[in-house]
């Protein structure tokens, strides 16, 4: 996994799946019967257990720590809850410059030590060929949640804040880039082998706005992570129109969602940057034949070029049959054996 992130030749294509630990697994649902998501994240042992569940089932090359990108916001004074059927809801969203000023400092070692302890534990439990991935939300995505306060269809509040309160938005992004950077650095120090920055909502921006008000903050995060020695991954959803700009933010790997074919994406930015993706998650809801065909299509488009990490083009869907993941991983390995 780490070698592929750096564009080096590898014996086999590394594979892992976003949200590989989660609601589609019956063993995870059993844990959730007794514990909330925040309860799990506050307990290092439970976090480790859930993180390792998919590796006990599937032929995966990485464990991504079980957490949520919004966890750092809670110690900053944000009233966060995860509402069934709705998702994350913030009771005290950012509405004014004074709200930005009121955000408390974030210290990952003091505030989120269970996650860091879980990373260290998972690193000890998996073999050396299995990477442990830490992650964080990108500054813009964190800002979007903070300002919107919950689910949104058009991101009207955050876009309005960006245009009507540009100085306050800049101050917020400056604070959040420090949060993302410190959080990822702490995860690297705890034992993570690779680090992924999720800019889930960047695709809602046009290229001009992204370049003017957002890109420099993600670039700041990646620049400051170089000292960790961990390869970095940058992933945004619904952002084919930003692909060139995303690749300029400075990560070692660019994650591509399912809306753009992986070969076209790679040809639109430097081949020096590795690529991750990009099976459509809904492919795993189809028949075995459909799953294998979809996996082979991704692999053929990559054409064995060094620097590819197989993944989904977004997170695993809750209704995914676990056996479909087994089929997909077998399809990756079978294709490689045939192509070798």
C-alpha atoms as a PDB file:
ATOM      1  CA  UNK A   1       0.000   0.000   0.000  1.00  0.00           C
ATOM      2  CA  UNK A   2       2.677   2.521   1.011  1.00  0.00           C
ATOM      3  CA  UNK A   3       4.879   1.670  -1.976  1.00  0.00           C
ATOM      4  CA  UNK A   4       1.937   2.043  -4.349  1.00  0.00           C
ATOM      5  CA  UNK A   5       1.145   5.438  -2.821  1.00  0.00           C
ATOM      6  CA  UNK A   6       4.641   6.502  -3.827  1.00  0.00           C
ATOM      7  CA  UNK A   7       4.214   5.213  -7.359  1.00  0.00           C
ATOM      8  CA  UNK A   8       6.590   2.295  -6.913  1.00  0.00           C
ATOM      9  CA  UNK A   9       6.282  -1.149  -8.484  1.00  0.00           C
ATOM     10  CA  UNK A  10       4.365  -3.601  -6.267  1.00  0.00           C
ATOM     11  CA  UNK A  11       3.708  -7.343  -6.324  1.00  0.00           C
ATOM     12  CA  UNK A  12      -0.059  -6.843  -6.335  1.00  0.00           C
ATOM     13  CA  UNK A  13      -2.497  -3.957  -6.497  1.00  0.00           C
ATOM     14  CA  UNK A  14      -3.268  -2.876  -2.933  1.00  0.00           C
ATOM     15  CA  UNK A  15      -6.973  -2.778  -2.171  1.00  0.00           C
ATOM     16  CA  UNK A  16      -9.094  -1.317   0.591  1.00  0.00           C
ATOM     17  CA  UNK A  17     -12.582   0.214   0.627  1.00  0.00           C
ATOM     18  CA  UNK A  18     -13.878   3.456   2.045  1.00  0.00           C
ATOM     19  CA  UNK A  19     -16.306   2.681   4.899  1.00  0.00           C
ATOM     20  CA  UNK A  20     -15.097  -0.914   4.853  1.00  0.00           C
ATOM     21  CA  UNK A  21     -15.988  -1.025   8.552  1.00  0.00           C
ATOM     22  CA  UNK A  22     -19.619  -0.142   9.006  1.00  0.00           C
ATOM     23  CA  UNK A  23     -23.308  -0.822   8.785  1.00  0.00           C
ATOM     24  CA  UNK A  24     -23.213  -3.404   5.983  1.00  0.00           C
ATOM     25  CA  UNK A  25     -21.414  -5.845   8.327  1.00  0.00           C
ATOM     26  CA  UNK A  26     -23.645  -7.807  10.743  1.00  0.00           C
ATOM     27  CA  UNK A  27     -20.851  -7.896  13.325  1.00  0.00           C
ATOM     28  CA  UNK A  28     -20.706  -4.096  13.257  1.00  0.00           C
ATOM     29  CA  UNK A  29     -24.480  -3.813  13.631  1.00  0.00           C
ATOM     30  CA  UNK A  30     -24.240  -6.053  16.684  1.00  0.00           C
ATOM     31  CA  UNK A  31     -21.751  -3.642  18.264  1.00  0.00           C
ATOM     32  CA  UNK A  32     -24.057  -0.731  17.440  1.00  0.00           C
ATOM     33  CA  UNK A  33     -26.939  -2.412  19.256  1.00  0.00           C
ATOM     34  CA  UNK A  34     -25.111  -1.656  22.494  1.00  0.00           C
ATOM     35  CA  UNK A  35     -23.058   1.422  21.604  1.00  0.00           C
ATOM     36  CA  UNK A  36     -23.577   4.689  19.748  1.00  0.00           C
ATOM     37  CA  UNK A  37     -21.071   5.836  17.145  1.00  0.00           C
ATOM     38  CA  UNK A  38     -19.649   8.385  19.563  1.00  0.00           C
ATOM     39  CA  UNK A  39     -19.423   5.706  22.273  1.00  0.00           C
ATOM     40  CA  UNK A  40     -17.356   3.502  19.957  1.00  0.00           C
ATOM     41  CA  UNK A  41     -15.056   6.376  19.033  1.00  0.00           C
ATOM     42  CA  UNK A  42     -14.517   7.186  22.714  1.00  0.00           C
ATOM     43  CA  UNK A  43     -13.357   3.627  23.472  1.00  0.00           C
ATOM     44  CA  UNK A  44      -9.992   2.517  22.071  1.00  0.00           C
ATOM     45  CA  UNK A  45     -10.803  -1.176  22.403  1.00  0.00           C
ATOM     46  CA  UNK A  46     -14.131  -0.868  20.576  1.00  0.00           C
ATOM     47  CA  UNK A  47     -12.552   1.307  17.893  1.00  0.00           C
ATOM     48  CA  UNK A  48      -9.848  -1.298  17.319  1.00  0.00           C
ATOM     49  CA  UNK A  49     -12.393  -4.101  17.211  1.00  0.00           C
ATOM     50  CA  UNK A  50     -14.573  -2.400  14.613  1.00  0.00           C
ATOM     51  CA  UNK A  51     -11.554  -1.315  12.549  1.00  0.00           C
ATOM     52  CA  UNK A  52     -10.354  -4.911  12.268  1.00  0.00           C
ATOM     53  CA  UNK A  53     -13.728  -6.498  11.457  1.00  0.00           C
ATOM     54  CA  UNK A  54     -13.454  -6.185   7.650  1.00  0.00           C
ATOM     55  CA  UNK A  55      -9.890  -7.515   7.638  1.00  0.00           C
ATOM     56  CA  UNK A  56     -11.111 -10.677   9.331  1.00  0.00           C
ATOM     57  CA  UNK A  57     -13.535 -11.233   6.432  1.00  0.00           C
ATOM     58  CA  UNK A  58     -11.863  -9.897   3.297  1.00  0.00           C
ATOM     59  CA  UNK A  59      -8.537  -9.900   1.443  1.00  0.00           C
ATOM     60  CA  UNK A  60      -7.694  -6.253   2.132  1.00  0.00           C
ATOM     61  CA  UNK A  61      -4.337  -4.496   2.213  1.00  0.00           C
ATOM     62  CA  UNK A  62      -5.181  -1.719   4.649  1.00  0.00           C
ATOM     63  CA  UNK A  63      -7.136  -0.978   7.802  1.00  0.00           C
ATOM     64  CA  UNK A  64      -8.631   2.498   8.006  1.00  0.00           C
ATOM     65  CA  UNK A  65      -9.214   3.530  11.584  1.00  0.00           C
ATOM     66  CA  UNK A  66     -12.874   3.688  12.570  1.00  0.00           C
ATOM     67  CA  UNK A  67     -13.741   7.294  13.388  1.00  0.00           C
ATOM     68  CA  UNK A  68     -15.663  10.251  11.992  1.00  0.00           C
ATOM     69  CA  UNK A  69     -14.299  13.380  10.360  1.00  0.00           C
ATOM     70  CA  UNK A  70     -16.353  15.561  12.725  1.00  0.00           C
ATOM     71  CA  UNK A  71     -14.845  14.255  15.973  1.00  0.00           C
ATOM     72  CA  UNK A  72     -12.380  17.170  16.359  1.00  0.00           C
ATOM     73  CA  UNK A  73     -15.269  19.643  16.369  1.00  0.00           C
ATOM     74  CA  UNK A  74     -16.715  18.432  19.676  1.00  0.00           C
ATOM     75  CA  UNK A  75     -13.819  19.610  21.897  1.00  0.00           C
ATOM     76  CA  UNK A  76     -13.882  22.897  19.984  1.00  0.00           C
ATOM     77  CA  UNK A  77     -17.247  23.640  21.594  1.00  0.00           C
ATOM     78  CA  UNK A  78     -19.564  22.198  18.959  1.00  0.00           C
ATOM     79  CA  UNK A  79     -22.731  20.388  20.060  1.00  0.00           C
ATOM     80  CA  UNK A  80     -22.705  17.410  17.693  1.00  0.00           C
ATOM     81  CA  UNK A  81     -25.130  14.517  17.521  1.00  0.00           C
ATOM     82  CA  UNK A  82     -25.668  11.700  15.031  1.00  0.00           C
ATOM     83  CA  UNK A  83     -29.399  11.412  14.425  1.00  0.00           C
ATOM     84  CA  UNK A  84     -30.665   8.086  13.006  1.00  0.00           C
ATOM     85  CA  UNK A  85     -31.990   8.578   9.506  1.00  0.00           C
ATOM     86  CA  UNK A  86     -30.580  12.104   9.315  1.00  0.00           C
ATOM     87  CA  UNK A  87     -26.859  11.964  10.019  1.00  0.00           C
ATOM     88  CA  UNK A  88     -24.691  14.510  11.821  1.00  0.00           C
ATOM     89  CA  UNK A  89     -26.558  17.474  13.278  1.00  0.00           C
ATOM     90  CA  UNK A  90     -24.882  20.500  14.863  1.00  0.00           C
ATOM     91  CA  UNK A  91     -27.052  22.364  17.359  1.00  0.00           C
ATOM     92  CA  UNK A  92     -24.861  25.503  17.456  1.00  0.00           C
ATOM     93  CA  UNK A  93     -23.743  26.127  13.866  1.00  0.00           C
ATOM     94  CA  UNK A  94     -21.429  28.943  12.833  1.00  0.00           C
ATOM     95  CA  UNK A  95     -23.561  31.956  11.900  1.00  0.00           C
ATOM     96  CA  UNK A  96     -21.327  34.970  12.480  1.00  0.00           C
ATOM     97  CA  UNK A  97     -17.698  36.090  12.806  1.00  0.00           C
ATOM     98  CA  UNK A  98     -18.053  35.960  16.592  1.00  0.00           C
ATOM     99  CA  UNK A  99     -18.948  32.262  16.356  1.00  0.00           C
ATOM    100  CA  UNK A 100     -15.672  31.659  14.522  1.00  0.00           C
ATOM    101  CA  UNK A 101     -13.739  33.520  17.204  1.00  0.00           C
ATOM    102  CA  UNK A 102     -15.444  31.467  19.933  1.00  0.00           C
ATOM    103  CA  UNK A 103     -14.136  28.114  18.665  1.00  0.00           C
ATOM    104  CA  UNK A 104     -11.870  26.505  21.250  1.00  0.00           C
ATOM    105  CA  UNK A 105      -8.351  25.214  20.513  1.00  0.00           C
ATOM    106  CA  UNK A 106      -8.034  21.566  19.497  1.00  0.00           C
ATOM    107  CA  UNK A 107      -5.377  19.289  20.994  1.00  0.00           C
ATOM    108  CA  UNK A 108      -5.612  15.796  19.471  1.00  0.00           C
ATOM    109  CA  UNK A 109      -3.653  14.074  22.212  1.00  0.00           C
ATOM    110  CA  UNK A 110      -5.830  15.506  24.956  1.00  0.00           C
ATOM    111  CA  UNK A 111      -9.157  15.439  23.146  1.00  0.00           C
ATOM    112  CA  UNK A 112      -9.098  12.299  20.987  1.00  0.00           C
ATOM    113  CA  UNK A 113      -6.644   9.991  22.701  1.00  0.00           C
ATOM    114  CA  UNK A 114      -8.865   6.857  22.310  1.00  0.00           C
ATOM    115  CA  UNK A 115      -8.565   7.066  18.521  1.00  0.00           C
ATOM    116  CA  UNK A 116      -4.801   7.463  18.761  1.00  0.00           C
ATOM    117  CA  UNK A 117      -4.572   4.522  21.154  1.00  0.00           C
ATOM    118  CA  UNK A 118      -6.642   2.461  18.719  1.00  0.00           C
ATOM    119  CA  UNK A 119      -4.275   3.289  15.855  1.00  0.00           C
ATOM    120  CA  UNK A 120      -1.337   2.073  17.921  1.00  0.00           C
ATOM    121  CA  UNK A 121      -3.247  -1.074  18.869  1.00  0.00           C
ATOM    122  CA  UNK A 122      -4.297  -1.866  15.294  1.00  0.00           C
ATOM    123  CA  UNK A 123      -0.763  -1.280  14.034  1.00  0.00           C
ATOM    124  CA  UNK A 124       0.456  -3.908  16.520  1.00  0.00           C
ATOM    125  CA  UNK A 125      -2.242  -6.410  15.562  1.00  0.00           C
ATOM    126  CA  UNK A 126      -1.946  -6.387  11.762  1.00  0.00           C
ATOM    127  CA  UNK A 127       1.019  -7.724   9.821  1.00  0.00           C
ATOM    128  CA  UNK A 128       3.659  -5.457   8.342  1.00  0.00           C
ATOM    129  CA  UNK A 129       2.228  -5.799   4.825  1.00  0.00           C
ATOM    130  CA  UNK A 130      -1.076  -4.292   5.983  1.00  0.00           C
ATOM    131  CA  UNK A 131      -1.161  -0.508   6.112  1.00  0.00           C
ATOM    132  CA  UNK A 132      -2.997   1.440   8.791  1.00  0.00           C
ATOM    133  CA  UNK A 133      -4.709   4.536   7.414  1.00  0.00           C
ATOM    134  CA  UNK A 134      -5.515   7.617   9.451  1.00  0.00           C
ATOM    135  CA  UNK A 135      -7.837  10.295   8.138  1.00  0.00           C
ATOM    136  CA  UNK A 136      -9.347  13.710   8.705  1.00  0.00           C
ATOM    137  CA  UNK A 137     -11.882  16.028   7.166  1.00  0.00           C
ATOM    138  CA  UNK A 138     -10.518  18.746   4.907  1.00  0.00           C
ATOM    139  CA  UNK A 139     -10.939  22.350   6.077  1.00  0.00           C
ATOM    140  CA  UNK A 140     -13.726  23.146   3.602  1.00  0.00           C
ATOM    141  CA  UNK A 141     -15.769  20.060   4.428  1.00  0.00           C
ATOM    142  CA  UNK A 142     -15.463  20.748   8.159  1.00  0.00           C
ATOM    143  CA  UNK A 143     -16.463  24.364   7.529  1.00  0.00           C
ATOM    144  CA  UNK A 144     -19.471  23.210   5.524  1.00  0.00           C
ATOM    145  CA  UNK A 145     -20.759  21.061   8.370  1.00  0.00           C
ATOM    146  CA  UNK A 146     -20.112  23.842  10.880  1.00  0.00           C
ATOM    147  CA  UNK A 147     -22.014  26.455   8.897  1.00  0.00           C
ATOM    148  CA  UNK A 148     -24.830  24.325   7.466  1.00  0.00           C
ATOM    149  CA  UNK A 149     -25.473  22.573  10.780  1.00  0.00           C
ATOM    150  CA  UNK A 150     -26.880  19.460   9.142  1.00  0.00           C
ATOM    151  CA  UNK A 151     -27.904  17.896   5.840  1.00  0.00           C
ATOM    152  CA  UNK A 152     -28.276  20.328   2.948  1.00  0.00           C
ATOM    153  CA  UNK A 153     -29.322  20.134  -0.691  1.00  0.00           C
ATOM    154  CA  UNK A 154     -27.487  23.171  -2.036  1.00  0.00           C
ATOM    155  CA  UNK A 155     -24.916  24.384   0.543  1.00  0.00           C
ATOM    156  CA  UNK A 156     -26.594  27.788   0.453  1.00  0.00           C
ATOM    157  CA  UNK A 157     -25.516  28.787   3.957  1.00  0.00           C
ATOM    158  CA  UNK A 158     -21.832  28.057   3.492  1.00  0.00           C
ATOM    159  CA  UNK A 159     -21.740  29.691   0.055  1.00  0.00           C
ATOM    160  CA  UNK A 160     -23.508  32.745   1.458  1.00  0.00           C
ATOM    161  CA  UNK A 161     -21.026  32.913   4.344  1.00  0.00           C
ATOM    162  CA  UNK A 162     -18.117  32.658   1.898  1.00  0.00           C
ATOM    163  CA  UNK A 163     -19.384  35.613  -0.141  1.00  0.00           C
ATOM    164  CA  UNK A 164     -20.873  37.794   2.613  1.00  0.00           C
ATOM    165  CA  UNK A 165     -18.270  37.162   5.334  1.00  0.00           C
ATOM    166  CA  UNK A 166     -15.039  36.478   3.416  1.00  0.00           C
ATOM    167  CA  UNK A 167     -12.748  37.545   6.257  1.00  0.00           C
ATOM    168  CA  UNK A 168     -14.576  35.392   8.793  1.00  0.00           C
ATOM    169  CA  UNK A 169     -14.558  32.468   6.354  1.00  0.00           C
ATOM    170  CA  UNK A 170     -10.813  32.887   5.886  1.00  0.00           C
ATOM    171  CA  UNK A 171     -10.357  32.939   9.666  1.00  0.00           C
ATOM    172  CA  UNK A 172     -12.448  29.771   9.967  1.00  0.00           C
ATOM    173  CA  UNK A 173     -10.495  27.973   7.242  1.00  0.00           C
ATOM    174  CA  UNK A 174      -7.218  29.040   8.832  1.00  0.00           C
ATOM    175  CA  UNK A 175      -8.308  27.510  12.136  1.00  0.00           C
ATOM    176  CA  UNK A 176      -9.587  24.342  10.502  1.00  0.00           C
ATOM    177  CA  UNK A 177      -6.456  23.703   8.456  1.00  0.00           C
ATOM    178  CA  UNK A 178      -4.539  23.678  11.729  1.00  0.00           C
ATOM    179  CA  UNK A 179      -7.088  21.233  13.137  1.00  0.00           C
ATOM    180  CA  UNK A 180      -6.811  18.878  10.148  1.00  0.00           C
ATOM    181  CA  UNK A 181      -3.033  19.070  10.108  1.00  0.00           C
ATOM    182  CA  UNK A 182      -2.564  18.483  13.825  1.00  0.00           C
ATOM    183  CA  UNK A 183      -5.050  15.626  13.825  1.00  0.00           C
ATOM    184  CA  UNK A 184      -3.354  13.836  10.938  1.00  0.00           C
ATOM    185  CA  UNK A 185       0.113  14.427  12.374  1.00  0.00           C
ATOM    186  CA  UNK A 186      -0.967  12.915  15.688  1.00  0.00           C
ATOM    187  CA  UNK A 187      -2.333   9.870  13.862  1.00  0.00           C
ATOM    188  CA  UNK A 188       0.973   9.431  12.040  1.00  0.00           C
ATOM    189  CA  UNK A 189       2.837   9.614  15.328  1.00  0.00           C
ATOM    190  CA  UNK A 190       0.464   7.003  16.786  1.00  0.00           C
ATOM    191  CA  UNK A 191       1.395   4.542  14.042  1.00  0.00           C
ATOM    192  CA  UNK A 192      -0.607   5.328  10.896  1.00  0.00           C
ATOM    193  CA  UNK A 193       1.222   4.416   7.685  1.00  0.00           C
ATOM    194  CA  UNK A 194      -0.816   6.611   5.309  1.00  0.00           C
ATOM    195  CA  UNK A 195      -3.106   9.603   5.768  1.00  0.00           C
ATOM    196  CA  UNK A 196      -6.267  10.503   3.842  1.00  0.00           C
ATOM    197  CA  UNK A 197      -7.869  13.942   3.703  1.00  0.00           C
ATOM    198  CA  UNK A 198     -11.592  13.756   2.909  1.00  0.00           C
ATOM    199  CA  UNK A 199     -12.949  16.850   1.143  1.00  0.00           C
ATOM    200  CA  UNK A 200     -16.399  15.357   0.818  1.00  0.00           C
ATOM    201  CA  UNK A 201     -18.201  18.529  -0.227  1.00  0.00           C
ATOM    202  CA  UNK A 202     -15.596  20.229  -2.445  1.00  0.00           C
ATOM    203  CA  UNK A 203     -17.499  19.115  -5.537  1.00  0.00           C
ATOM    204  CA  UNK A 204     -20.212  21.676  -4.767  1.00  0.00           C
ATOM    205  CA  UNK A 205     -17.788  24.488  -5.593  1.00  0.00           C
ATOM    206  CA  UNK A 206     -16.918  25.861  -9.004  1.00  0.00           C
ATOM    207  CA  UNK A 207     -13.214  25.862  -9.969  1.00  0.00           C
ATOM    208  CA  UNK A 208     -12.772  29.605  -9.430  1.00  0.00           C
ATOM    209  CA  UNK A 209     -14.164  29.532  -5.885  1.00  0.00           C
ATOM    210  CA  UNK A 210     -12.247  26.366  -5.023  1.00  0.00           C
ATOM    211  CA  UNK A 211      -8.961  27.827  -6.216  1.00  0.00           C
ATOM    212  CA  UNK A 212      -9.527  31.224  -4.596  1.00  0.00           C
ATOM    213  CA  UNK A 213     -10.903  30.270  -1.180  1.00  0.00           C
ATOM    214  CA  UNK A 214     -10.227  26.588  -0.520  1.00  0.00           C
ATOM    215  CA  UNK A 215      -7.245  25.044  -2.289  1.00  0.00           C
ATOM    216  CA  UNK A 216      -4.519  26.865  -0.374  1.00  0.00           C
ATOM    217  CA  UNK A 217      -5.824  25.458   2.910  1.00  0.00           C
ATOM    218  CA  UNK A 218      -5.706  21.834   1.753  1.00  0.00           C
ATOM    219  CA  UNK A 219      -2.263  22.537   0.303  1.00  0.00           C
ATOM    220  CA  UNK A 220      -1.186  23.860   3.705  1.00  0.00           C
ATOM    221  CA  UNK A 221      -2.258  20.585   5.328  1.00  0.00           C
ATOM    222  CA  UNK A 222      -0.399  18.400   2.836  1.00  0.00           C
ATOM    223  CA  UNK A 223       2.738  20.543   3.005  1.00  0.00           C
ATOM    224  CA  UNK A 224       2.876  20.249   6.783  1.00  0.00           C
ATOM    225  CA  UNK A 225       2.390  16.469   6.643  1.00  0.00           C
ATOM    226  CA  UNK A 226       5.558  15.910   4.612  1.00  0.00           C
ATOM    227  CA  UNK A 227       7.563  15.740   7.819  1.00  0.00           C
ATOM    228  CA  UNK A 228       5.592  12.691   9.006  1.00  0.00           C
ATOM    229  CA  UNK A 229       7.030  10.471   6.271  1.00  0.00           C
ATOM    230  CA  UNK A 230       3.532   9.113   5.561  1.00  0.00           C
ATOM    231  CA  UNK A 231       2.127   9.200   2.034  1.00  0.00           C
ATOM    232  CA  UNK A 232      -1.000  11.315   1.735  1.00  0.00           C
ATOM    233  CA  UNK A 233      -4.281  10.746  -0.124  1.00  0.00           C
ATOM    234  CA  UNK A 234      -6.719  13.455  -1.235  1.00  0.00           C
ATOM    235  CA  UNK A 235     -10.333  12.513  -1.937  1.00  0.00           C
ATOM    236  CA  UNK A 236     -13.292  14.659  -2.987  1.00  0.00           C
ATOM    237  CA  UNK A 237     -16.774  13.570  -4.038  1.00  0.00           C
ATOM    238  CA  UNK A 238     -18.479  14.744  -7.221  1.00  0.00           C
ATOM    239  CA  UNK A 239     -15.493  16.775  -8.339  1.00  0.00           C
ATOM    240  CA  UNK A 240     -14.467  15.783 -11.897  1.00  0.00           C
ATOM    241  CA  UNK A 241     -14.457  19.507 -12.745  1.00  0.00           C
ATOM    242  CA  UNK A 242     -11.831  20.093 -10.042  1.00  0.00           C
ATOM    243  CA  UNK A 243      -9.543  17.165 -10.815  1.00  0.00           C
ATOM    244  CA  UNK A 244      -6.598  19.269 -12.018  1.00  0.00           C
ATOM    245  CA  UNK A 245      -6.857  21.638  -9.051  1.00  0.00           C
ATOM    246  CA  UNK A 246      -7.193  18.794  -6.556  1.00  0.00           C
ATOM    247  CA  UNK A 247      -4.019  17.243  -7.945  1.00  0.00           C
ATOM    248  CA  UNK A 248      -2.191  20.531  -7.350  1.00  0.00           C
ATOM    249  CA  UNK A 249      -2.961  20.545  -3.618  1.00  0.00           C
ATOM    250  CA  UNK A 250       0.120  18.442  -2.931  1.00  0.00           C
ATOM    251  CA  UNK A 251      -0.975  14.923  -1.976  1.00  0.00           C
ATOM    252  CA  UNK A 252       0.903  11.798  -3.049  1.00  0.00           C
ATOM    253  CA  UNK A 253      -2.314  10.073  -4.147  1.00  0.00           C
ATOM    254  CA  UNK A 254      -5.510  11.448  -5.641  1.00  0.00           C
ATOM    255  CA  UNK A 255      -8.701   9.536  -4.902  1.00  0.00           C
ATOM    256  CA  UNK A 256     -11.163   9.582  -7.795  1.00  0.00           C
ATOM    257  CA  UNK A 257     -14.889   9.110  -7.366  1.00  0.00           C
ATOM    258  CA  UNK A 258     -17.035   6.949  -9.648  1.00  0.00           C
ATOM    259  CA  UNK A 259     -18.275   9.786 -11.844  1.00  0.00           C
ATOM    260  CA  UNK A 260     -15.067   9.898 -13.897  1.00  0.00           C
ATOM    261  CA  UNK A 261     -13.322   6.950 -15.529  1.00  0.00           C
ATOM    262  CA  UNK A 262     -10.026   6.296 -13.796  1.00  0.00           C
ATOM    263  CA  UNK A 263      -7.924   6.400 -16.963  1.00  0.00           C
ATOM    264  CA  UNK A 264      -9.370   9.761 -17.996  1.00  0.00           C
ATOM    265  CA  UNK A 265      -8.735  11.121 -14.499  1.00  0.00           C
ATOM    266  CA  UNK A 266      -5.122   9.955 -14.492  1.00  0.00           C
ATOM    267  CA  UNK A 267      -4.526  11.456 -17.926  1.00  0.00           C
ATOM    268  CA  UNK A 268      -5.795  14.829 -16.707  1.00  0.00           C
ATOM    269  CA  UNK A 269      -3.149  15.233 -14.033  1.00  0.00           C
ATOM    270  CA  UNK A 270       0.488  14.325 -13.583  1.00  0.00           C
ATOM    271  CA  UNK A 271       1.309  10.636 -13.825  1.00  0.00           C
ATOM    272  CA  UNK A 272       3.779  11.312 -11.009  1.00  0.00           C
ATOM    273  CA  UNK A 273       0.777  11.353  -8.664  1.00  0.00           C
ATOM    274  CA  UNK A 274      -0.630   7.952  -7.698  1.00  0.00           C
ATOM    275  CA  UNK A 275      -4.357   7.285  -8.026  1.00  0.00           C
ATOM    276  CA  UNK A 276      -6.977   5.573  -5.862  1.00  0.00           C
ATOM    277  CA  UNK A 277     -10.350   4.221  -6.929  1.00  0.00           C
ATOM    278  CA  UNK A 278     -12.804   4.008  -8.348  1.00  0.00           C
ATOM    279  CA  UNK A 279     -15.454   1.269  -8.440  1.00  0.00           C
ATOM    280  CA  UNK A 280     -19.007   2.626  -8.255  1.00  0.00           C
ATOM    281  CA  UNK A 281     -20.295   1.495  -4.817  1.00  0.00           C
ATOM    282  CA  UNK A 282     -23.619   0.538  -6.376  1.00  0.00           C
ATOM    283  CA  UNK A 283     -21.828  -2.106  -8.453  1.00  0.00           C
ATOM    284  CA  UNK A 284     -21.644  -4.159  -5.252  1.00  0.00           C
ATOM    285  CA  UNK A 285     -25.447  -4.324  -5.215  1.00  0.00           C
ATOM    286  CA  UNK A 286     -25.504  -6.241  -8.492  1.00  0.00           C
ATOM    287  CA  UNK A 287     -25.013  -9.851  -9.521  1.00  0.00           C
ATOM    288  CA  UNK A 288     -21.669 -11.620  -9.291  1.00  0.00           C
ATOM    289  CA  UNK A 289     -21.234 -11.253 -13.041  1.00  0.00           C
ATOM    290  CA  UNK A 290     -21.946  -7.518 -12.823  1.00  0.00           C
ATOM    291  CA  UNK A 291     -19.485  -7.035  -9.943  1.00  0.00           C
ATOM    292  CA  UNK A 292     -16.692  -8.890 -11.723  1.00  0.00           C
ATOM    293  CA  UNK A 293     -17.297  -6.983 -14.946  1.00  0.00           C
ATOM    294  CA  UNK A 294     -17.188  -3.627 -13.120  1.00  0.00           C
ATOM    295  CA  UNK A 295     -13.981  -4.516 -11.257  1.00  0.00           C
ATOM    296  CA  UNK A 296     -12.279  -5.720 -14.433  1.00  0.00           C
ATOM    297  CA  UNK A 297     -13.234  -2.485 -16.189  1.00  0.00           C
ATOM    298  CA  UNK A 298     -11.395  -0.450 -13.530  1.00  0.00           C
ATOM    299  CA  UNK A 299      -8.359  -2.741 -13.640  1.00  0.00           C
ATOM    300  CA  UNK A 300      -8.169  -2.696 -17.437  1.00  0.00           C
ATOM    301  CA  UNK A 301      -8.333   1.082 -17.529  1.00  0.00           C
ATOM    302  CA  UNK A 302      -5.391   1.286 -15.120  1.00  0.00           C
ATOM    303  CA  UNK A 303      -3.513  -1.175 -17.360  1.00  0.00           C
ATOM    304  CA  UNK A 304      -1.048  -2.193 -14.611  1.00  0.00           C
ATOM    305  CA  UNK A 305       0.503   1.264 -14.368  1.00  0.00           C
ATOM    306  CA  UNK A 306       2.393   1.664 -11.070  1.00  0.00           C
ATOM    307  CA  UNK A 307       0.720   3.790  -8.435  1.00  0.00           C
ATOM    308  CA  UNK A 308      -2.830   2.422  -8.378  1.00  0.00           C
ATOM    309  CA  UNK A 309      -4.713   1.597  -5.176  1.00  0.00           C
ATOM    310  CA  UNK A 310      -8.011  -0.189  -5.803  1.00  0.00           C
ATOM    311  CA  UNK A 311     -10.945   1.294  -3.906  1.00  0.00           C
ATOM    312  CA  UNK A 312     -14.520   2.421  -4.295  1.00  0.00           C
ATOM    313  CA  UNK A 313     -15.442   5.745  -5.838  1.00  0.00           C
ATOM    314  CA  UNK A 314     -17.245   6.700  -2.597  1.00  0.00           C
ATOM    315  CA  UNK A 315     -18.093   4.981   0.690  1.00  0.00           C
ATOM    316  CA  UNK A 316     -19.596   1.524   1.023  1.00  0.00           C
ATOM    317  CA  UNK A 317     -23.399   1.587   0.952  1.00  0.00           C
ATOM    318  CA  UNK A 318     -25.159   0.224   4.070  1.00  0.00           C
ATOM    319  CA  UNK A 319     -27.225  -2.248   2.010  1.00  0.00           C
ATOM    320  CA  UNK A 320     -24.145  -3.862   0.427  1.00  0.00           C
ATOM    321  CA  UNK A 321     -24.142  -7.676   0.851  1.00  0.00           C
ATOM    322  CA  UNK A 322     -20.830  -8.652   2.510  1.00  0.00           C
ATOM    323  CA  UNK A 323     -20.427 -11.494   0.011  1.00  0.00           C
ATOM    324  CA  UNK A 324     -20.274  -8.903  -2.756  1.00  0.00           C
ATOM    325  CA  UNK A 325     -17.086  -7.524  -1.224  1.00  0.00           C
ATOM    326  CA  UNK A 326     -15.594 -11.018  -1.257  1.00  0.00           C
ATOM    327  CA  UNK A 327     -16.451 -11.279  -4.952  1.00  0.00           C
ATOM    328  CA  UNK A 328     -14.926  -7.875  -5.723  1.00  0.00           C
ATOM    329  CA  UNK A 329     -11.663  -8.677  -3.960  1.00  0.00           C
ATOM    330  CA  UNK A 330     -11.479 -12.026  -5.722  1.00  0.00           C
ATOM    331  CA  UNK A 331     -12.056 -10.264  -9.042  1.00  0.00           C
ATOM    332  CA  UNK A 332      -9.115  -7.935  -8.378  1.00  0.00           C
ATOM    333  CA  UNK A 333      -6.797 -10.854  -7.578  1.00  0.00           C
ATOM    334  CA  UNK A 334      -8.090 -13.018 -10.434  1.00  0.00           C
ATOM    335  CA  UNK A 335      -7.566 -10.223 -12.945  1.00  0.00           C
ATOM    336  CA  UNK A 336      -3.990  -9.718 -11.781  1.00  0.00           C
ATOM    337  CA  UNK A 337      -3.259 -13.436 -12.017  1.00  0.00           C
ATOM    338  CA  UNK A 338      -4.610 -13.511 -15.568  1.00  0.00           C
ATOM    339  CA  UNK A 339      -2.839 -10.320 -16.643  1.00  0.00           C
ATOM    340  CA  UNK A 340       0.537 -11.320 -15.163  1.00  0.00           C
END
